[in-house]
Amino acid sequence: MKRGIRNNNPGNIRKNATKWQGLSDTQTDSAFFQFKEMKWGIRAMLKTLNTYYYKHDRKTIRQIVYRWAPPQDNNNTELYIKVVSDRTRIDDNVKLPIDNRITMCAIAQAMCWMENSVEIPIDEFYKGWELM
C-alpha cells in the first residue's frame, strides 16, 4: 500500500507545526502526517490549497503545483502540472474558482493520483470538503 494511502494523507503533507484536526493519536511516520481517516487528510490538503490561494497568491494549477511539488525537491514538476491539468481538463494557467467544490476536489484528486498512483473516489474528496 502506498505511503500516502496508508497514512490517510493522500497529498503527502509533510510534518510541520500545524495541529490538524483528525490527526492519528500516534504519528509513527517520521516525515508525513498520519490521519485517522482519509477525509481528514483530504481536508488538510484542501485547507492547504486555500492557504496557497489566499496567503501565497497561488491561483492556478501551475502556481499551486510549483509550490506543492517544487523541482528543487527532485519532483518532475512540469509532468505533475501536465497530469493535473489533463486529468481535470483545466488549463494550467487559468485562475481557479477556489470556492467551487467540484473543481477544487477534482484538482486535489488529480494531485493525489500523482502522489500515490492510486485513484481515490471523488466522494472521499467531497467528505473532506464538508469538514472545512
Protein backbone atom coordinates (compact mmCIF):
# COMPACT_ATOMS: atom_id res chain seq x y z
CA MET A 1 0.00 0.00 0.00
CA LYS A 2 1.30 3.46 -0.90
CA ARG A 3 2.53 5.59 1.99
CA GLY A 4 0.02 8.41 1.41
CA ILE A 5 -2.87 5.93 1.40
CA ARG A 6 -1.56 4.05 4.44
CA ASN A 7 -1.24 7.37 6.32
CA ASN A 8 -4.69 8.61 5.19
CA ASN A 9 -2.66 11.54 3.87
CA PRO A 10 -3.02 11.19 0.09
CA GLY A 11 -1.47 14.60 -0.58
CA ASN A 12 1.62 13.54 1.38
CA ILE A 13 1.60 16.59 3.62
CA ARG A 14 4.92 16.77 5.42
CA LYS A 15 5.04 17.10 9.17
CA ASN A 16 5.32 20.64 10.49
CA ALA A 17 3.95 22.62 13.44
CA THR A 18 0.33 22.53 12.20
CA LYS A 19 -2.08 20.81 14.59
CA TRP A 20 -4.51 19.39 12.04
CA GLN A 21 -7.93 18.15 13.02
CA GLY A 22 -8.25 14.39 12.62
CA LEU A 23 -4.60 13.51 13.22
CA SER A 24 -3.96 9.96 14.39
CA ASP A 25 -3.06 9.71 18.07
CA THR A 26 0.21 8.04 17.14
CA GLN A 27 2.46 9.52 14.48
CA THR A 28 4.87 6.74 13.51
CA ASP A 29 5.85 8.12 10.09
CA SER A 30 8.97 10.24 10.51
CA ALA A 31 8.23 12.61 7.61
CA PHE A 32 4.49 12.74 6.86
CA PHE A 33 1.36 13.35 8.92
CA GLN A 34 -0.92 10.41 9.65
CA PHE A 35 -4.69 10.96 9.89
CA LYS A 36 -7.46 8.87 11.48
CA GLU A 37 -9.47 8.72 8.25
CA MET A 38 -8.91 9.66 4.62
CA LYS A 39 -11.41 12.52 4.83
CA TRP A 40 -9.21 14.28 7.42
CA GLY A 41 -6.11 14.04 5.27
CA ILE A 42 -8.07 15.36 2.31
CA ARG A 43 -9.44 18.20 4.43
CA ALA A 44 -5.88 19.17 5.38
CA MET A 45 -4.90 19.16 1.72
CA LEU A 46 -7.86 21.32 0.68
CA LYS A 47 -7.14 23.76 3.53
CA THR A 48 -3.54 23.95 2.36
CA LEU A 49 -4.69 24.73 -1.18
CA ASN A 50 -6.83 27.54 0.27
CA THR A 51 -3.80 28.90 2.09
CA TYR A 52 -1.77 28.78 -1.12
CA TYR A 53 -4.53 30.69 -2.90
CA TYR A 54 -5.18 33.44 -0.36
CA LYS A 55 -1.92 33.82 1.55
CA HIS A 56 0.67 32.91 -1.10
CA ASP A 57 -1.20 34.17 -4.21
CA ARG A 58 -1.07 30.74 -5.93
CA LYS A 59 -4.20 30.84 -8.04
CA THR A 60 -3.54 28.45 -10.95
CA ILE A 61 -2.68 24.77 -11.22
CA ARG A 62 0.82 25.75 -12.37
CA GLN A 63 1.40 28.08 -9.40
CA ILE A 64 -0.03 25.61 -6.88
CA VAL A 65 1.97 22.63 -8.13
CA TYR A 66 5.21 24.65 -8.23
CA ARG A 67 4.76 25.22 -4.51
CA TRP A 68 3.37 21.75 -3.68
CA ALA A 69 5.94 19.72 -5.64
CA PRO A 70 8.83 22.06 -6.49
CA PRO A 71 11.59 20.92 -8.85
CA GLN A 72 14.25 21.60 -6.20
CA ASP A 73 12.77 18.70 -4.19
CA ASN A 74 13.52 16.30 -7.07
CA ASN A 75 9.98 16.43 -8.44
CA ASN A 76 9.12 16.36 -12.11
CA THR A 77 7.03 19.48 -11.61
CA GLU A 78 6.21 20.00 -15.27
CA LEU A 79 4.88 16.46 -15.61
CA TYR A 80 2.90 16.92 -12.37
CA ILE A 81 1.32 20.10 -13.78
CA LYS A 82 0.51 18.40 -17.08
CA VAL A 83 -1.13 15.40 -15.42
CA VAL A 84 -3.26 17.55 -13.08
CA SER A 85 -4.26 19.82 -15.95
CA ASP A 86 -5.05 16.87 -18.24
CA ARG A 87 -6.99 14.92 -15.63
CA THR A 88 -9.11 17.93 -14.66
CA ARG A 89 -9.31 19.40 -18.19
CA ILE A 90 -8.39 22.79 -16.73
CA ASP A 91 -5.69 24.89 -18.38
CA ASP A 92 -2.72 25.16 -16.03
CA ASN A 93 -2.67 28.98 -16.22
CA VAL A 94 -6.38 29.66 -15.58
CA LYS A 95 -7.32 31.32 -12.29
CA LEU A 96 -9.12 28.68 -10.22
CA PRO A 97 -12.52 29.14 -8.58
CA ILE A 98 -11.25 28.30 -5.08
CA ASP A 99 -14.77 28.15 -3.60
CA ASN A 100 -16.02 25.66 -6.20
CA ARG A 101 -16.25 22.23 -4.57
CA ILE A 102 -16.34 20.24 -7.81
CA THR A 103 -13.30 21.99 -9.31
CA MET A 104 -11.14 22.01 -6.21
CA CYS A 105 -11.95 18.41 -5.28
CA ALA A 106 -11.08 17.33 -8.84
CA ILE A 107 -7.74 19.15 -8.59
CA ALA A 108 -6.98 17.57 -5.22
CA GLN A 109 -7.98 14.16 -6.60
CA ALA A 110 -5.61 14.58 -9.56
CA MET A 111 -2.79 15.72 -7.27
CA CYS A 112 -3.35 12.69 -5.03
CA TRP A 113 -3.19 10.45 -8.08
CA MET A 114 0.22 11.98 -8.85
CA GLU A 115 1.33 11.45 -5.27
CA ASN A 116 0.20 7.81 -4.98
CA SER A 117 -0.67 6.41 -8.43
CA VAL A 118 -3.97 5.35 -6.85
CA GLU A 119 -7.44 6.55 -7.83
CA ILE A 120 -9.28 7.77 -4.75
CA PRO A 121 -13.05 8.08 -5.29
CA ILE A 122 -14.25 11.68 -5.66
CA ASP A 123 -16.73 11.11 -2.81
CA GLU A 124 -13.79 10.98 -0.39
CA PHE A 125 -12.79 14.49 -1.50
CA TYR A 126 -16.34 15.75 -1.03
CA LYS A 127 -16.27 14.37 2.54
CA GLY A 128 -13.05 16.28 3.19
CA TRP A 129 -14.58 19.43 1.66
CA GLU A 130 -17.58 19.19 4.00
CA LEU A 131 -15.23 19.25 7.02
CA MET A 132 -13.69 22.60 6.05
